[in-house]
C-alpha cells in the first residue's frame, strides 16, 4: 500500500512540475506584436522594394486606390519607367527614414531619398526630402501620398 501512495504522490509531483514548467516557458516565448510604427516602416520599405523591382502591381498594393500615392505610382510607371527602359536603364531608390508619427489611423513619415539610374552612370540625383502619409484601412496601413522625384 505504501508503494501505491508513493506512486500517486510522485505522479502528482511530476504533473505539477511539468505544468509549472510549461507555464513558465510559455511566458518566455510570447511573440510581441509589431507596433504601428513598425508596420508603417514596413509599408514604406516594401513600397520602395516594389518600385526598385519595377513591379507596378506590388507597389500599387501599398497605396489607397484613387489617392495621390496611387496616382503618383501609376504616373511613375507610365512615364519614367518607359523612358528609363528605352535607354536600357532602371531607377533604383535609396532612402533613410527620419521620423514616423502615428496618430490613431493616420501616420506620417519624413525621410530623405535619392535615386540612381542603373546602367547610366552620368545621372545621380540629389538628396530629396520626402513625406509619406498613410492611413489605416481595414486594419492595414496604406500610402495616401508618396513623393517620387520628378
Protein backbone atom coordinates (compact mmCIF):
# COMPACT_ATOMS: atom_id res chain seq x y z
CA UNK A 1 0.00 0.00 0.00
CA UNK A 2 2.92 2.38 0.68
CA UNK A 3 4.21 1.84 -2.83
CA UNK A 4 0.83 2.80 -4.23
CA UNK A 5 0.75 6.04 -2.21
CA UNK A 6 4.33 6.79 -3.20
CA UNK A 7 3.47 6.35 -6.91
CA UNK A 8 0.39 8.58 -6.58
CA UNK A 9 2.42 11.30 -4.81
CA UNK A 10 5.19 11.00 -7.38
CA UNK A 11 2.64 11.24 -10.20
CA UNK A 12 1.16 14.45 -8.78
CA UNK A 13 4.59 15.98 -8.17
CA UNK A 14 5.64 15.24 -11.75
CA UNK A 15 2.37 16.68 -13.13
CA UNK A 16 2.74 19.85 -11.02
CA UNK A 17 6.39 20.29 -12.03
CA UNK A 18 5.60 19.81 -15.73
CA UNK A 19 2.58 22.10 -15.54
CA UNK A 20 4.69 24.79 -13.81
CA UNK A 21 7.44 24.35 -16.38
CA UNK A 22 5.05 24.84 -19.31
CA UNK A 23 3.51 27.92 -17.71
CA UNK A 24 6.94 29.47 -17.15
CA UNK A 25 8.23 28.63 -20.62
CA UNK A 26 5.11 29.97 -22.34
CA UNK A 27 5.85 33.43 -20.92
CA UNK A 28 9.35 33.29 -22.36
CA UNK A 29 8.25 32.53 -25.89
CA UNK A 30 5.50 35.09 -26.25
CA UNK A 31 5.59 37.00 -29.52
CA UNK A 32 5.47 40.75 -29.16
CA UNK A 33 3.09 42.19 -31.75
CA UNK A 34 4.60 44.83 -34.03
CA UNK A 35 3.81 48.45 -33.23
CA UNK A 36 2.06 50.74 -35.70
CA UNK A 37 5.40 52.47 -36.25
CA UNK A 38 6.94 49.13 -37.23
CA UNK A 39 4.06 48.38 -39.60
CA UNK A 40 4.27 51.83 -41.22
CA UNK A 41 8.02 51.45 -41.71
CA UNK A 42 7.45 48.03 -43.27
CA UNK A 43 4.98 49.51 -45.79
CA UNK A 44 7.49 52.19 -46.83
CA UNK A 45 10.24 49.57 -47.21
CA UNK A 46 8.01 47.25 -49.24
CA UNK A 47 6.83 50.11 -51.45
CA UNK A 48 10.39 51.08 -52.37
CA UNK A 49 11.29 47.41 -52.92
CA UNK A 50 8.41 47.14 -55.39
CA UNK A 51 9.47 50.37 -57.15
CA UNK A 52 13.07 49.13 -57.40
CA UNK A 53 11.84 45.77 -58.71
CA UNK A 54 9.74 47.57 -61.34
CA UNK A 55 6.63 45.82 -60.03
CA UNK A 56 3.66 48.12 -60.56
CA UNK A 57 1.03 45.80 -59.06
CA UNK A 58 3.05 45.25 -55.90
CA UNK A 59 3.79 48.98 -55.50
CA UNK A 60 0.11 49.85 -56.01
CA UNK A 61 -0.88 47.25 -53.39
CA UNK A 62 0.71 49.51 -50.76
CA UNK A 63 -1.38 52.53 -51.82
CA UNK A 64 -5.01 53.60 -51.42
CA UNK A 65 -6.78 53.36 -54.76
CA UNK A 66 -7.58 56.81 -56.15
CA UNK A 67 -5.42 58.71 -53.65
CA UNK A 68 -2.32 60.75 -54.52
CA UNK A 69 0.14 57.88 -53.86
CA UNK A 70 -1.81 55.63 -56.22
CA UNK A 71 -1.80 58.30 -58.93
CA UNK A 72 1.90 59.16 -58.44
CA UNK A 73 2.84 55.48 -58.63
CA UNK A 74 0.87 54.98 -61.84
CA UNK A 75 2.41 58.14 -63.30
CA UNK A 76 5.88 56.86 -62.39
CA UNK A 77 5.25 53.54 -64.16
CA UNK A 78 3.54 55.21 -67.14
CA UNK A 79 6.16 57.88 -67.79
CA UNK A 80 9.51 57.35 -66.07
CA UNK A 81 9.84 53.58 -66.36
CA UNK A 82 9.32 53.51 -70.16
CA UNK A 83 11.83 56.35 -70.60
CA UNK A 84 14.39 54.52 -68.50
CA UNK A 85 13.74 51.23 -70.32
CA UNK A 86 14.14 52.97 -73.70
CA UNK A 87 17.65 53.95 -72.60
CA UNK A 88 18.31 50.48 -71.15
CA UNK A 89 18.41 51.84 -67.59
CA UNK A 90 16.41 51.42 -64.40
CA UNK A 91 15.67 53.61 -61.39
CA UNK A 92 16.95 52.46 -58.04
CA UNK A 93 15.84 54.38 -54.97
CA UNK A 94 17.62 54.54 -51.63
CA UNK A 95 16.13 56.21 -48.58
CA UNK A 96 16.56 56.89 -44.88
CA UNK A 97 13.56 57.26 -42.61
CA UNK A 98 13.98 60.18 -40.20
CA UNK A 99 10.71 60.12 -38.26
CA UNK A 100 7.50 58.12 -38.08
CA UNK A 101 4.49 59.70 -36.39
CA UNK A 102 1.31 57.73 -35.80
CA UNK A 103 -1.93 59.25 -34.56
CA UNK A 104 -4.86 56.85 -34.42
CA UNK A 105 -5.44 55.66 -38.00
CA UNK A 106 -3.17 58.24 -39.72
CA UNK A 107 0.61 58.31 -39.97
CA UNK A 108 3.31 60.47 -41.49
CA UNK A 109 6.84 59.53 -42.42
CA UNK A 110 9.61 62.04 -43.00
CA UNK A 111 12.60 60.73 -44.88
CA UNK A 112 15.35 61.55 -47.33
CA UNK A 113 15.78 59.72 -50.59
CA UNK A 114 17.74 59.69 -53.80
CA UNK A 115 17.95 57.56 -56.89
CA UNK A 116 20.42 56.43 -59.49
CA UNK A 117 19.82 55.24 -62.98
CA UNK A 118 21.36 51.78 -63.19
CA UNK A 119 23.31 51.46 -66.43
CA UNK A 120 23.55 55.23 -66.93
CA UNK A 121 26.36 56.49 -64.72
CA UNK A 122 26.17 60.16 -65.70
CA UNK A 123 22.95 60.85 -63.75
CA UNK A 124 22.85 60.73 -59.98
CA UNK A 125 20.05 62.53 -58.22
CA UNK A 126 20.44 64.99 -55.40
CA UNK A 127 19.07 64.02 -52.00
CA UNK A 128 15.39 64.88 -51.68
CA UNK A 129 13.30 65.42 -48.56
CA UNK A 130 10.15 63.36 -48.70
CA UNK A 131 6.92 62.92 -46.80
CA UNK A 132 4.61 59.94 -46.93
CA UNK A 133 1.20 59.99 -45.36
CA UNK A 134 -0.51 56.74 -44.58
CA UNK A 135 -3.96 55.73 -43.46
CA UNK A 136 -5.10 52.56 -41.77
CA UNK A 137 -7.74 50.94 -43.98
CA UNK A 138 -9.45 47.82 -42.61
CA UNK A 139 -6.56 47.36 -40.18
CA UNK A 140 -3.85 47.68 -42.86
CA UNK A 141 -1.54 50.67 -43.32
CA UNK A 142 -1.57 52.05 -46.88
CA UNK A 143 0.08 55.04 -48.53
CA UNK A 144 -2.10 58.06 -49.12
CA UNK A 145 0.64 60.32 -50.53
CA UNK A 146 4.01 59.25 -51.88
CA UNK A 147 6.54 61.59 -53.48
CA UNK A 148 8.62 60.36 -56.34
CA UNK A 149 11.33 62.57 -57.80
CA UNK A 150 10.17 64.39 -60.91
